[in-house]
Amino acid sequence: MDNKAADVVLLDLHGVTDMTDYFVIASGTSDTHVRGIAKQILAKLGATGMDAVAVEGLSPGQWVVIDYLDFVVHVFHPSLRSFYQLERLWGDAPALELTR
């Protein structure tokens, strides 16, 4: 399975909220894909010594939230991403350019 996330957006929340500095928002193509992406993030960052302080939604796999305090990763099933529209909700936060 290709664990590459789709439509990845990085929002800079400095000056918008004190809860975290950044949101990373991404989509998978199915619940299984969303879980796979989230598990890959946890494993790769965990291997560098960065452990999440909280993980929610991993079992259902429709919307996984991984909290690293300074940044929060949201991995969505496309239908839920469209429904919740975090990018619009946090519209005051500028989107930063990502390079791969």
Protein backbone atom coordinates (compact mmCIF):
# COMPACT_ATOMS: atom_id res chain seq x y z
CA MET A 1 0.00 0.00 0.00
CA ASP A 2 1.19 3.50 -0.80
CA ASN A 3 1.19 5.41 2.49
CA LYS A 4 1.65 8.79 0.86
CA ALA A 5 -0.86 11.29 2.14
CA ALA A 6 -2.78 13.49 -0.28
CA ASP A 7 -3.53 17.21 -0.13
CA VAL A 8 -1.07 17.95 2.69
CA VAL A 9 -1.42 21.45 4.17
CA LEU A 10 0.69 23.08 6.88
CA LEU A 11 -1.03 25.89 8.78
CA ASP A 12 1.02 28.33 10.85
CA LEU A 13 -1.01 29.01 13.99
CA HIS A 14 1.41 31.49 15.60
CA GLY A 15 -0.63 34.49 16.68
CA VAL A 16 -3.91 32.68 15.97
CA THR A 17 -4.03 30.36 18.99
CA ASP A 18 -1.85 29.36 21.94
CA MET A 19 -2.82 25.67 21.83
CA THR A 20 -0.15 24.70 19.26
CA ASP A 21 2.14 26.25 16.68
CA TYR A 22 1.17 24.29 13.58
CA PHE A 23 -1.51 22.04 12.13
CA VAL A 24 -0.54 19.48 9.54
CA ILE A 25 -3.65 18.40 7.64
CA ALA A 26 -3.64 15.49 5.21
CA SER A 27 -5.98 13.00 3.57
CA GLY A 28 -5.94 9.27 2.97
CA THR A 29 -8.08 7.49 0.43
CA SER A 30 -9.82 5.09 2.86
CA ASP A 31 -10.02 4.30 6.58
CA THR A 32 -7.23 1.74 6.12
CA HIS A 33 -5.08 4.29 4.31
CA VAL A 34 -5.71 6.94 7.01
CA ARG A 35 -4.63 4.44 9.71
CA GLY A 36 -1.57 3.48 7.67
CA ILE A 37 -0.50 7.11 7.25
CA ALA A 38 -0.99 7.82 10.96
CA LYS A 39 0.94 4.70 12.00
CA GLN A 40 3.76 5.63 9.65
CA ILE A 41 3.94 9.14 11.16
CA LEU A 42 4.00 7.71 14.67
CA ALA A 43 6.72 5.19 13.77
CA LYS A 44 8.98 7.59 11.86
CA LEU A 45 8.78 10.38 14.42
CA GLY A 46 9.01 7.87 17.27
CA ALA A 47 12.24 6.53 15.77
CA THR A 48 13.71 10.04 16.10
CA GLY A 49 12.66 10.27 19.75
CA MET A 50 9.55 12.35 19.13
CA ASP A 51 6.66 10.66 20.90
CA ALA A 52 3.10 11.86 20.54
CA VAL A 53 1.45 13.08 23.73
CA ALA A 54 -1.98 11.97 22.47
CA VAL A 55 -3.45 9.99 19.60
CA GLU A 56 -7.19 9.93 18.88
CA GLY A 57 -9.22 8.14 16.23
CA LEU A 58 -6.66 5.54 15.16
CA SER A 59 -9.03 2.56 15.42
CA PRO A 60 -11.90 4.01 13.37
CA GLY A 61 -9.45 5.57 10.90
CA GLN A 62 -11.72 8.31 9.65
CA TRP A 63 -10.01 11.21 11.40
CA VAL A 64 -6.78 10.58 13.30
CA VAL A 65 -5.40 13.38 15.46
CA ILE A 66 -1.79 13.09 16.63
CA ASP A 67 -0.68 15.71 19.16
CA TYR A 68 3.02 16.52 19.48
CA LEU A 69 2.34 19.72 21.51
CA ASP A 70 4.21 22.07 19.14
CA PHE A 71 2.27 20.69 16.19
CA VAL A 72 -0.85 18.60 15.68
CA VAL A 73 -1.30 16.22 12.75
CA HIS A 74 -4.80 15.62 11.36
CA VAL A 75 -5.18 12.73 8.92
CA PHE A 76 -8.64 12.61 7.39
CA HIS A 77 -10.81 10.39 5.27
CA PRO A 78 -11.72 12.77 2.39
CA SER A 79 -15.42 12.91 3.28
CA LEU A 80 -14.71 14.03 6.84
CA ARG A 81 -12.08 16.52 5.73
CA SER A 82 -14.64 18.05 3.40
CA PHE A 83 -17.27 18.09 6.15
CA TYR A 84 -15.11 19.67 8.90
CA GLN A 85 -13.11 22.01 6.63
CA LEU A 86 -10.32 22.76 9.12
CA GLU A 87 -8.55 24.94 6.58
CA ARG A 88 -11.61 27.19 6.41
CA LEU A 89 -12.22 27.05 10.17
CA TRP A 90 -8.62 28.17 10.78
CA GLY A 91 -8.70 30.59 7.84
CA ASP A 92 -6.74 33.23 9.78
CA ALA A 93 -3.72 30.91 9.84
CA PRO A 94 -1.48 31.21 6.80
CA ALA A 95 -0.69 28.04 4.88
CA LEU A 96 3.04 27.45 4.53
CA GLU A 97 4.61 26.02 1.39
CA LEU A 98 5.71 22.41 1.68
CA THR A 99 8.59 20.91 -0.23
CA ARG A 100 9.02 17.19 -0.75
